[in-house]
PDB file of all heavy atoms in Angstrom:
ATOM      1  N   THR A   1       4.953-214.560 -69.319  1.00  0.00           N
ATOM      2  CA  THR A   1       6.297-215.144 -69.258  1.00  0.00           C
ATOM      3  C   THR A   1       7.389-214.093 -69.256  1.00  0.00           C
ATOM      4  O   THR A   1       8.353-214.189 -68.497  1.00  0.00           O
ATOM      5  CB  THR A   1       6.514-216.098 -70.447  1.00  0.00           C
ATOM      6  OG1 THR A   1       5.485-217.080 -70.455  1.00  0.00           O
ATOM      7  CG2 THR A   1       7.863-216.780 -70.350  1.00  0.00           C
ATOM      8  N   THR A   2       7.247-213.100 -70.127  1.00  0.00           N
ATOM      9  CA  THR A   2       8.251-212.035 -70.218  1.00  0.00           C
ATOM     10  C   THR A   2       7.579-210.666 -70.268  1.00  0.00           C
ATOM     11  O   THR A   2       6.396-210.545 -70.593  1.00  0.00           O
ATOM     12  CB  THR A   2       9.126-212.183 -71.483  1.00  0.00           C
ATOM     13  OG1 THR A   2       8.298-212.064 -72.655  1.00  0.00           O
ATOM     14  CG2 THR A   2       9.855-213.508 -71.498  1.00  0.00           C
ATOM     15  N   VAL A   3       8.360-209.648 -69.948  1.00  0.00           N
ATOM     16  CA  VAL A   3       7.953-208.248 -70.125  1.00  0.00           C
ATOM     17  C   VAL A   3       8.791-207.682 -71.263  1.00  0.00           C
ATOM     18  O   VAL A   3      10.020-207.646 -71.177  1.00  0.00           O
ATOM     19  CB  VAL A   3       8.180-207.421 -68.846  1.00  0.00           C
ATOM     20  CG1 VAL A   3       7.777-205.962 -69.076  1.00  0.00           C
ATOM     21  CG2 VAL A   3       7.423-208.012 -67.680  1.00  0.00           C
ATOM     22  N   LYS A   4       8.135-207.266 -72.338  1.00  0.00           N
ATOM     23  CA  LYS A   4       8.835-206.644 -73.457  1.00  0.00           C
ATOM     24  C   LYS A   4       8.885-205.149 -73.212  1.00  0.00           C
ATOM     25  O   LYS A   4       7.889-204.540 -72.829  1.00  0.00           O
ATOM     26  CB  LYS A   4       8.120-206.969 -74.773  1.00  0.00           C
ATOM     27  CG  LYS A   4       8.050-208.460 -75.067  1.00  0.00           C
ATOM     28  CD  LYS A   4       7.209-208.738 -76.300  1.00  0.00           C
ATOM     29  CE  LYS A   4       7.106-210.228 -76.534  1.00  0.00           C
ATOM     30  NZ  LYS A   4       6.374-210.928 -75.446  1.00  0.00           N
ATOM     31  N   MET A   5      10.046-204.556 -73.462  1.00  0.00           N
ATOM     32  CA  MET A   5      10.230-203.138 -73.210  1.00  0.00           C
ATOM     33  C   MET A   5      10.927-202.493 -74.393  1.00  0.00           C
ATOM     34  O   MET A   5      11.744-203.125 -75.077  1.00  0.00           O
ATOM     35  CB  MET A   5      11.045-202.922 -71.923  1.00  0.00           C
ATOM     36  CG  MET A   5      10.433-203.580 -70.696  1.00  0.00           C
ATOM     37  SD  MET A   5      11.353-203.288 -69.155  1.00  0.00           S
ATOM     38  CE  MET A   5      11.122-201.531 -68.942  1.00  0.00           C
ATOM     39  N   GLY A   6      10.615-201.222 -74.628  1.00  0.00           N
ATOM     40  CA  GLY A   6      11.240-200.512 -75.731  1.00  0.00           C
ATOM     41  C   GLY A   6      11.414-199.043 -75.413  1.00  0.00           C
ATOM     42  O   GLY A   6      10.561-198.430 -74.764  1.00  0.00           O
ATOM     43  N   LEU A   7      12.536-198.489 -75.851  1.00  0.00           N
ATOM     44  CA  LEU A   7      12.779-197.048 -75.801  1.00  0.00           C
ATOM     45  C   LEU A   7      12.589-196.506 -77.212  1.00  0.00           C
ATOM     46  O   LEU A   7      13.203-197.017 -78.164  1.00  0.00           O
ATOM     47  CB  LEU A   7      14.193-196.754 -75.306  1.00  0.00           C
ATOM     48  CG  LEU A   7      14.653-195.287 -75.400  1.00  0.00           C
ATOM     49  CD1 LEU A   7      13.812-194.385 -74.508  1.00  0.00           C
ATOM     50  CD2 LEU A   7      16.142-195.171 -75.044  1.00  0.00           C
ATOM     51  N   PHE A   8      11.737-195.495 -77.349  1.00  0.00           N
ATOM     52  CA  PHE A   8      11.374-194.954 -78.658  1.00  0.00           C
ATOM     53  C   PHE A   8      11.635-193.453 -78.717  1.00  0.00           C
ATOM     54  O   PHE A   8      11.555-192.755 -77.698  1.00  0.00           O
ATOM     55  CB  PHE A   8       9.874-195.146 -78.916  1.00  0.00           C
ATOM     56  CG  PHE A   8       9.442-196.557 -79.172  1.00  0.00           C
ATOM     57  CD1 PHE A   8       9.356-197.472 -78.133  1.00  0.00           C
ATOM     58  CD2 PHE A   8       9.092-196.972 -80.450  1.00  0.00           C
ATOM     59  CE1 PHE A   8       8.922-198.771 -78.354  1.00  0.00           C
ATOM     60  CE2 PHE A   8       8.656-198.267 -80.680  1.00  0.00           C
ATOM     61  CZ  PHE A   8       8.574-199.166 -79.638  1.00  0.00           C
ATOM     62  N   TYR A   9      11.893-192.973 -79.924  1.00  0.00           N
ATOM     63  CA  TYR A   9      11.671-191.568 -80.209  1.00  0.00           C
ATOM     64  C   TYR A   9      10.165-191.385 -80.354  1.00  0.00           C
ATOM     65  O   TYR A   9       9.446-192.319 -80.732  1.00  0.00           O
ATOM     66  CB  TYR A   9      12.364-191.137 -81.502  1.00  0.00           C
ATOM     67  CG  TYR A   9      13.868-191.057 -81.425  1.00  0.00           C
ATOM     68  CD1 TYR A   9      14.657-191.911 -82.190  1.00  0.00           C
ATOM     69  CD2 TYR A   9      14.495-190.110 -80.624  1.00  0.00           C
ATOM     70  CE1 TYR A   9      16.044-191.842 -82.137  1.00  0.00           C
ATOM     71  CE2 TYR A   9      15.885-190.023 -80.565  1.00  0.00           C
ATOM     72  CZ  TYR A   9      16.647-190.896 -81.326  1.00  0.00           C
ATOM     73  OH  TYR A   9      18.004-190.826 -81.267  1.00  0.00           O
ATOM     74  N   THR A  10       9.673-190.200 -80.085  1.00  0.00           N
ATOM     75  CA  THR A  10       8.231-189.996 -80.128  1.00  0.00           C
ATOM     76  C   THR A  10       7.672-189.925 -81.551  1.00  0.00           C
ATOM     77  O   THR A  10       6.462-189.818 -81.727  1.00  0.00           O
ATOM     78  CB  THR A  10       7.831-188.720 -79.347  1.00  0.00           C
ATOM     79  OG1 THR A  10       8.643-187.627 -79.755  1.00  0.00           O
ATOM     80  CG2 THR A  10       7.987-188.948 -77.858  1.00  0.00           C
ATOM     81  N   ASP A  11       8.547-190.005 -82.560  1.00  0.00           N
ATOM     82  CA  ASP A  11       8.042-190.130 -83.932  1.00  0.00           C
ATOM     83  C   ASP A  11       7.787-191.584 -84.317  1.00  0.00           C
ATOM     84  O   ASP A  11       7.395-191.884 -85.448  1.00  0.00           O
ATOM     85  CB  ASP A  11       9.003-189.480 -84.931  1.00  0.00           C
ATOM     86  CG  ASP A  11      10.363-190.180 -84.996  1.00  0.00           C
ATOM     87  OD1 ASP A  11      10.581-191.170 -84.249  1.00  0.00           O
ATOM     88  OD2 ASP A  11      11.223-189.729 -85.775  1.00  0.00           O
ATOM     89  N   GLY A  12       8.005-192.504 -83.363  1.00  0.00           N
ATOM     90  CA  GLY A  12       7.746-193.914 -83.606  1.00  0.00           C
ATOM     91  C   GLY A  12       8.966-194.744 -83.926  1.00  0.00           C
ATOM     92  O   GLY A  12       8.861-195.975 -84.031  1.00  0.00           O
ATOM     93  N   LYS A  13      10.125-194.130 -84.040  1.00  0.00           N
ATOM     94  CA  LYS A  13      11.346-194.885 -84.307  1.00  0.00           C
ATOM     95  C   LYS A  13      11.845-195.522 -83.013  1.00  0.00           C
ATOM     96  O   LYS A  13      11.928-194.864 -81.979  1.00  0.00           O
ATOM     97  CB  LYS A  13      12.428-193.965 -84.873  1.00  0.00           C
ATOM     98  CG  LYS A  13      13.737-194.692 -85.189  1.00  0.00           C
ATOM     99  CD  LYS A  13      14.785-193.728 -85.740  1.00  0.00           C
ATOM    100  CE  LYS A  13      16.104-194.428 -85.998  1.00  0.00           C
ATOM    101  NZ  LYS A  13      17.137-193.492 -86.479  1.00  0.00           N
ATOM    102  N   ILE A  14      12.159-196.805 -83.087  1.00  0.00           N
ATOM    103  CA  ILE A  14      12.601-197.514 -81.898  1.00  0.00           C
ATOM    104  C   ILE A  14      14.121-197.441 -81.778  1.00  0.00           C
ATOM    105  O   ILE A  14      14.854-197.608 -82.749  1.00  0.00           O
ATOM    106  CB  ILE A  14      12.115-198.986 -81.929  1.00  0.00           C
ATOM    107  CG1 ILE A  14      12.357-199.673 -80.584  1.00  0.00           C
ATOM    108  CG2 ILE A  14      12.735-199.761 -83.084  1.00  0.00           C
ATOM    109  CD1 ILE A  14      11.607-200.982 -80.430  1.00  0.00           C
ATOM    110  N   LEU A  15      14.590-197.126 -80.566  1.00  0.00           N
ATOM    111  CA  LEU A  15      16.030-197.051 -80.321  1.00  0.00           C
ATOM    112  C   LEU A  15      16.562-198.375 -79.793  1.00  0.00           C
ATOM    113  O   LEU A  15      17.652-198.810 -80.161  1.00  0.00           O
ATOM    114  CB  LEU A  15      16.354-195.955 -79.295  1.00  0.00           C
ATOM    115  CG  LEU A  15      16.374-194.509 -79.759  1.00  0.00           C
ATOM    116  CD1 LEU A  15      14.962-193.963 -79.873  1.00  0.00           C
ATOM    117  CD2 LEU A  15      17.188-193.661 -78.790  1.00  0.00           C
ATOM    118  N   GLU A  16      15.807-198.989 -78.886  1.00  0.00           N
ATOM    119  CA  GLU A  16      16.283-200.205 -78.239  1.00  0.00           C
ATOM    120  C   GLU A  16      15.083-200.979 -77.723  1.00  0.00           C
ATOM    121  O   GLU A  16      14.093-200.396 -77.267  1.00  0.00           O
ATOM    122  CB  GLU A  16      17.208-199.842 -77.060  1.00  0.00           C
ATOM    123  CG  GLU A  16      17.778-201.037 -76.320  1.00  0.00           C
ATOM    124  CD  GLU A  16      18.688-200.643 -75.163  1.00  0.00           C
ATOM    125  OE1 GLU A  16      19.029-199.445 -75.052  1.00  0.00           O
ATOM    126  OE2 GLU A  16      19.030-201.539 -74.355  1.00  0.00           O
ATOM    127  N   LYS A  17      15.148-202.291 -77.809  1.00  0.00           N
ATOM    128  CA  LYS A  17      14.110-203.119 -77.201  1.00  0.00           C
ATOM    129  C   LYS A  17      14.765-204.303 -76.495  1.00  0.00           C
ATOM    130  O   LYS A  17      15.828-204.771 -76.894  1.00  0.00           O
ATOM    131  CB  LYS A  17      13.094-203.606 -78.237  1.00  0.00           C
ATOM    132  CG  LYS A  17      13.650-204.521 -79.314  1.00  0.00           C
ATOM    133  CD  LYS A  17      12.526-204.991 -80.239  1.00  0.00           C
ATOM    134  CE  LYS A  17      13.064-205.931 -81.314  1.00  0.00           C
ATOM    135  NZ  LYS A  17      11.984-206.455 -82.175  1.00  0.00           N
ATOM    136  N   TRP A  18      14.126-204.781 -75.429  1.00  0.00           N
ATOM    137  CA  TRP A  18      14.691-205.868 -74.641  1.00  0.00           C
ATOM    138  C   TRP A  18      13.569-206.514 -73.841  1.00  0.00           C
ATOM    139  O   TRP A  18      12.422-206.049 -73.851  1.00  0.00           O
ATOM    140  CB  TRP A  18      15.810-205.347 -73.747  1.00  0.00           C
ATOM    141  CG  TRP A  18      15.379-204.459 -72.614  1.00  0.00           C
ATOM    142  CD1 TRP A  18      15.236-204.791 -71.303  1.00  0.00           C
ATOM    143  CD2 TRP A  18      15.037-203.058 -72.692  1.00  0.00           C
ATOM    144  NE1 TRP A  18      14.836-203.704 -70.561  1.00  0.00           N
ATOM    145  CE2 TRP A  18      14.706-202.633 -71.388  1.00  0.00           C
ATOM    146  CE3 TRP A  18      14.983-202.131 -73.739  1.00  0.00           C
ATOM    147  CZ2 TRP A  18      14.326-201.324 -71.105  1.00  0.00           C
ATOM    148  CZ3 TRP A  18      14.598-200.841 -73.460  1.00  0.00           C
ATOM    149  CH2 TRP A  18      14.280-200.442 -72.163  1.00  0.00           C
ATOM    150  N   GLU A  19      13.897-207.589 -73.139  1.00  0.00           N
ATOM    151  CA  GLU A  19      12.918-208.308 -72.330  1.00  0.00           C
ATOM    152  C   GLU A  19      13.484-208.608 -70.953  1.00  0.00           C
ATOM    153  O   GLU A  19      14.697-208.732 -70.784  1.00  0.00           O
ATOM    154  CB  GLU A  19      12.527-209.643 -72.998  1.00  0.00           C
ATOM    155  CG  GLU A  19      11.860-209.511 -74.334  1.00  0.00           C
ATOM    156  CD  GLU A  19      11.476-210.864 -74.928  1.00  0.00           C
ATOM    157  OE1 GLU A  19      11.745-211.904 -74.286  1.00  0.00           O
ATOM    158  OE2 GLU A  19      10.923-210.893 -76.038  1.00  0.00           O
ATOM    159  N   ILE A  20      12.578-208.731 -69.986  1.00  0.00           N
ATOM    160  CA  ILE A  20      12.931-209.236 -68.668  1.00  0.00           C
ATOM    161  C   ILE A  20      11.885-210.290 -68.288  1.00  0.00           C
ATOM    162  O   ILE A  20      10.783-210.291 -68.841  1.00  0.00           O
ATOM    163  CB  ILE A  20      12.980-208.121 -67.599  1.00  0.00           C
ATOM    164  CG1 ILE A  20      11.608-207.462 -67.420  1.00  0.00           C
ATOM    165  CG2 ILE A  20      14.041-207.092 -67.952  1.00  0.00           C
ATOM    166  CD1 ILE A  20      11.532-206.483 -66.259  1.00  0.00           C
ATOM    167  N   PRO A  21      12.199-211.183 -67.365  1.00  0.00           N
ATOM    168  CA  PRO A  21      11.218-212.217 -66.971  1.00  0.00           C
ATOM    169  C   PRO A  21      10.042-211.613 -66.209  1.00  0.00           C
ATOM    170  O   PRO A  21      10.196-210.651 -65.458  1.00  0.00           O
ATOM    171  CB  PRO A  21      12.023-213.161 -66.069  1.00  0.00           C
ATOM    172  CG  PRO A  21      13.457-212.818 -66.305  1.00  0.00           C
ATOM    173  CD  PRO A  21      13.499-211.382 -66.703  1.00  0.00           C
ATOM    174  N   SER A  22       8.857-212.190 -66.433  1.00  0.00           N
ATOM    175  CA  SER A  22       7.692-211.846 -65.602  1.00  0.00           C
ATOM    176  C   SER A  22       7.769-212.617 -64.290  1.00  0.00           C
ATOM    177  O   SER A  22       8.667-213.437 -64.091  1.00  0.00           O
ATOM    178  CB  SER A  22       6.392-212.194 -66.330  1.00  0.00           C
ATOM    179  OG  SER A  22       6.173-211.334 -67.415  1.00  0.00           O
ATOM    180  N   LYS A  23       6.803-212.357 -63.420  1.00  0.00           N
ATOM    181  CA  LYS A  23       6.765-213.045 -62.131  1.00  0.00           C
ATOM    182  C   LYS A  23       5.354-213.557 -61.864  1.00  0.00           C
ATOM    183  O   LYS A  23       4.368-212.882 -62.162  1.00  0.00           O
ATOM    184  CB  LYS A  23       7.197-212.103 -60.998  1.00  0.00           C
ATOM    185  CG  LYS A  23       8.666-211.726 -61.057  1.00  0.00           C
ATOM    186  CD  LYS A  23       9.055-210.844 -59.887  1.00  0.00           C
ATOM    187  CE  LYS A  23      10.557-210.560 -59.912  1.00  0.00           C
ATOM    188  NZ  LYS A  23      10.972-209.687 -58.798  1.00  0.00           N
ATOM    189  N   LYS A  24       5.260-214.739 -61.297  1.00  0.00           N
ATOM    190  CA  LYS A  24       3.983-215.300 -60.877  1.00  0.00           C
ATOM    191  C   LYS A  24       3.758-214.952 -59.394  1.00  0.00           C
ATOM    192  O   LYS A  24       4.701-214.673 -58.655  1.00  0.00           O
ATOM    193  CB  LYS A  24       3.976-216.819 -61.038  1.00  0.00           C
ATOM    194  CG  LYS A  24       4.390-217.304 -62.426  1.00  0.00           C
ATOM    195  CD  LYS A  24       3.354-216.967 -63.483  1.00  0.00           C
ATOM    196  CE  LYS A  24       3.751-217.553 -64.827  1.00  0.00           C
ATOM    197  NZ  LYS A  24       2.815-217.182 -65.901  1.00  0.00           N
ATOM    198  N   ASN A  25       2.521-214.986 -58.976  1.00  0.00           N
ATOM    199  CA  ASN A  25       2.176-214.746 -57.562  1.00  0.00           C
ATOM    200  C   ASN A  25       2.853-213.482 -57.033  1.00  0.00           C
ATOM    201  O   ASN A  25       3.457-213.483 -55.960  1.00  0.00           O
ATOM    202  CB  ASN A  25       2.568-215.958 -56.712  1.00  0.00           C
ATOM    203  CG  ASN A  25       1.920-217.235 -57.211  1.00  0.00           C
ATOM    204  OD1 ASN A  25       0.726-217.248 -57.504  1.00  0.00           O
ATOM    205  ND2 ASN A  25       2.698-218.301 -57.314  1.00  0.00           N
ATOM    206  N   ASP A  26       2.725-212.395 -57.818  1.00  0.00           N
ATOM    207  CA  ASP A  26       3.446-211.157 -57.534  1.00  0.00           C
ATOM    208  C   ASP A  26       2.570-210.185 -56.737  1.00  0.00           C
ATOM    209  O   ASP A  26       2.345-209.052 -57.153  1.00  0.00           O
ATOM    210  CB  ASP A  26       3.901-210.533 -58.863  1.00  0.00           C
ATOM    211  CG  ASP A  26       4.784-209.314 -58.688  1.00  0.00           C
ATOM    212  OD1 ASP A  26       5.587-209.296 -57.737  1.00  0.00           O
ATOM    213  OD2 ASP A  26       4.654-208.373 -59.496  1.00  0.00           O
ATOM    214  N   ALA A  27       2.053-210.646 -55.606  1.00  0.00           N
ATOM    215  CA  ALA A  27       1.136-209.820 -54.811  1.00  0.00           C
ATOM    216  C   ALA A  27       1.797-208.540 -54.314  1.00  0.00           C
ATOM    217  O   ALA A  27       1.119-207.530 -54.093  1.00  0.00           O
ATOM    218  CB  ALA A  27       0.608-210.629 -53.634  1.00  0.00           C
ATOM    219  N   ASN A  28       3.101-208.545 -54.150  1.00  0.00           N
ATOM    220  CA  ASN A  28       3.817-207.361 -53.668  1.00  0.00           C
ATOM    221  C   ASN A  28       4.257-206.419 -54.779  1.00  0.00           C
ATOM    222  O   ASN A  28       4.959-205.436 -54.516  1.00  0.00           O
ATOM    223  CB  ASN A  28       5.035-207.781 -52.842  1.00  0.00           C
ATOM    224  CG  ASN A  28       4.651-208.485 -51.556  1.00  0.00           C
ATOM    225  OD1 ASN A  28       3.650-208.132 -50.931  1.00  0.00           O
ATOM    226  ND2 ASN A  28       5.425-209.484 -51.168  1.00  0.00           N
ATOM    227  N   LEU A  29       3.866-206.744 -56.011  1.00  0.00           N
ATOM    228  CA  LEU A  29       4.145-205.882 -57.167  1.00  0.00           C
ATOM    229  C   LEU A  29       5.644-205.668 -57.387  1.00  0.00           C
ATOM    230  O   LEU A  29       6.066-204.600 -57.857  1.00  0.00           O
ATOM    231  CB  LEU A  29       3.445-204.523 -57.015  1.00  0.00           C
ATOM    232  CG  LEU A  29       1.944-204.553 -56.729  1.00  0.00           C
ATOM    233  CD1 LEU A  29       1.387-203.137 -56.630  1.00  0.00           C
ATOM    234  CD2 LEU A  29       1.189-205.345 -57.781  1.00  0.00           C
ATOM    235  N   THR A  30       6.440-206.664 -57.093  1.00  0.00           N
ATOM    236  CA  THR A  30       7.883-206.518 -57.296  1.00  0.00           C
ATOM    237  C   THR A  30       8.243-206.436 -58.776  1.00  0.00           C
ATOM    238  O   THR A  30       9.309-205.920 -59.123  1.00  0.00           O
ATOM    239  CB  THR A  30       8.650-207.681 -56.645  1.00  0.00           C
ATOM    240  OG1 THR A  30       8.154-208.925 -57.156  1.00  0.00           O
ATOM    241  CG2 THR A  30       8.468-207.665 -55.132  1.00  0.00           C
ATOM    242  N   LEU A  31       7.354-206.926 -59.650  1.00  0.00           N
ATOM    243  CA  LEU A  31       7.613-206.797 -61.084  1.00  0.00           C
ATOM    244  C   LEU A  31       7.656-205.331 -61.503  1.00  0.00           C
ATOM    245  O   LEU A  31       8.468-204.943 -62.353  1.00  0.00           O
ATOM    246  CB  LEU A  31       6.542-207.547 -61.887  1.00  0.00           C
ATOM    247  CG  LEU A  31       6.702-207.514 -63.408  1.00  0.00           C
ATOM    248  CD1 LEU A  31       8.052-208.097 -63.829  1.00  0.00           C
ATOM    249  CD2 LEU A  31       5.568-208.269 -64.085  1.00  0.00           C
ATOM    250  N   LEU A  32       6.820-204.511 -60.894  1.00  0.00           N
ATOM    251  CA  LEU A  32       6.846-203.077 -61.196  1.00  0.00           C
ATOM    252  C   LEU A  32       8.163-202.452 -60.752  1.00  0.00           C
ATOM    253  O   LEU A  32       8.681-201.542 -61.406  1.00  0.00           O
ATOM    254  CB  LEU A  32       5.670-202.367 -60.531  1.00  0.00           C
ATOM    255  CG  LEU A  32       4.270-202.775 -61.008  1.00  0.00           C
ATOM    256  CD1 LEU A  32       3.213-201.926 -60.310  1.00  0.00           C
ATOM    257  CD2 LEU A  32       4.149-202.652 -62.527  1.00  0.00           C
ATOM    258  N   ASP A  33       8.725-202.944 -59.644  1.00  0.00           N
ATOM    259  CA  ASP A  33      10.052-202.476 -59.218  1.00  0.00           C
ATOM    260  C   ASP A  33      11.096-202.816 -60.276  1.00  0.00           C
ATOM    261  O   ASP A  33      11.958-201.991 -60.606  1.00  0.00           O
ATOM    262  CB  ASP A  33      10.443-203.129 -57.888  1.00  0.00           C
ATOM    263  CG  ASP A  33       9.539-202.715 -56.739  1.00  0.00           C
ATOM    264  OD1 ASP A  33       9.127-201.541 -56.700  1.00  0.00           O
ATOM    265  OD2 ASP A  33       9.240-203.568 -55.889  1.00  0.00           O
ATOM    266  N   ASP A  34      11.012-204.044 -60.816  1.00  0.00           N
ATOM    267  CA  ASP A  34      11.966-204.481 -61.837  1.00  0.00           C
ATOM    268  C   ASP A  34      11.858-203.614 -63.092  1.00  0.00           C
ATOM    269  O   ASP A  34      12.869-203.216 -63.683  1.00  0.00           O
ATOM    270  CB  ASP A  34      11.721-205.939 -62.208  1.00  0.00           C
ATOM    271  CG  ASP A  34      12.002-206.896 -61.059  1.00  0.00           C
ATOM    272  OD1 ASP A  34      12.635-206.479 -60.076  1.00  0.00           O
ATOM    273  OD2 ASP A  34      11.581-208.072 -61.160  1.00  0.00           O
ATOM    274  N   ILE A  35      10.621-203.326 -63.502  1.00  0.00           N
ATOM    275  CA  ILE A  35      10.411-202.509 -64.703  1.00  0.00           C
ATOM    276  C   ILE A  35      10.958-201.106 -64.489  1.00  0.00           C
ATOM    277  O   ILE A  35      11.629-200.542 -65.366  1.00  0.00           O
ATOM    278  CB  ILE A  35       8.910-202.465 -65.060  1.00  0.00           C
ATOM    279  CG1 ILE A  35       8.429-203.856 -65.481  1.00  0.00           C
ATOM    280  CG2 ILE A  35       8.649-201.451 -66.177  1.00  0.00           C
ATOM    281  CD1 ILE A  35       6.919-203.975 -65.621  1.00  0.00           C
ATOM    282  N   ALA A  36      10.697-200.532 -63.321  1.00  0.00           N
ATOM    283  CA  ALA A  36      11.198-199.188 -63.021  1.00  0.00           C
ATOM    284  C   ALA A  36      12.724-199.152 -63.028  1.00  0.00           C
ATOM    285  O   ALA A  36      13.332-198.192 -63.544  1.00  0.00           O
ATOM    286  CB  ALA A  36      10.663-198.725 -61.662  1.00  0.00           C
ATOM    287  N   GLU A  37      13.353-200.189 -62.482  1.00  0.00           N
ATOM    288  CA  GLU A  37      14.810-200.246 -62.474  1.00  0.00           C
ATOM    289  C   GLU A  37      15.361-200.324 -63.894  1.00  0.00           C
ATOM    290  O   GLU A  37      16.397-199.720 -64.211  1.00  0.00           O
ATOM    291  CB  GLU A  37      15.290-201.440 -61.641  1.00  0.00           C
ATOM    292  CG  GLU A  37      15.132-201.262 -60.139  1.00  0.00           C
ATOM    293  CD  GLU A  37      15.854-200.022 -59.632  1.00  0.00           C
ATOM    294  OE1 GLU A  37      17.028-199.812 -60.022  1.00  0.00           O
ATOM    295  OE2 GLU A  37      15.241-199.248 -58.875  1.00  0.00           O
ATOM    296  N   GLU A  38      14.685-201.086 -64.762  1.00  0.00           N
ATOM    297  CA  GLU A  38      15.116-201.188 -66.159  1.00  0.00           C
ATOM    298  C   GLU A  38      14.998-199.840 -66.869  1.00  0.00           C
ATOM    299  O   GLU A  38      15.871-199.454 -67.649  1.00  0.00           O
ATOM    300  CB  GLU A  38      14.279-202.241 -66.891  1.00  0.00           C
ATOM    301  CG  GLU A  38      14.638-203.663 -66.535  1.00  0.00           C
ATOM    302  CD  GLU A  38      16.039-204.027 -67.008  1.00  0.00           C
ATOM    303  OE1 GLU A  38      16.338-203.842 -68.204  1.00  0.00           O
ATOM    304  OE2 GLU A  38      16.843-204.485 -66.183  1.00  0.00           O
ATOM    305  N   ILE A  39      13.927-199.122 -66.613  1.00  0.00           N
ATOM    306  CA  ILE A  39      13.742-197.802 -67.221  1.00  0.00           C
ATOM    307  C   ILE A  39      14.855-196.855 -66.772  1.00  0.00           C
ATOM    308  O   ILE A  39      15.460-196.141 -67.590  1.00  0.00           O
ATOM    309  CB  ILE A  39      12.353-197.243 -66.856  1.00  0.00           C
ATOM    310  CG1 ILE A  39      11.272-198.020 -67.614  1.00  0.00           C
ATOM    311  CG2 ILE A  39      12.256-195.745 -67.174  1.00  0.00           C
ATOM    312  CD1 ILE A  39       9.860-197.717 -67.161  1.00  0.00           C
TER     313      ILE A  39
END
């Protein structure tokens, strides 16, 4: 349903977390494009 994402310091402390919608029937892998854009 959703993609959970987080930006962390490498000591494990979280700076920010957020979500974006997942996609069904994503044969073209457009969800990976969305994740890359969020990063």
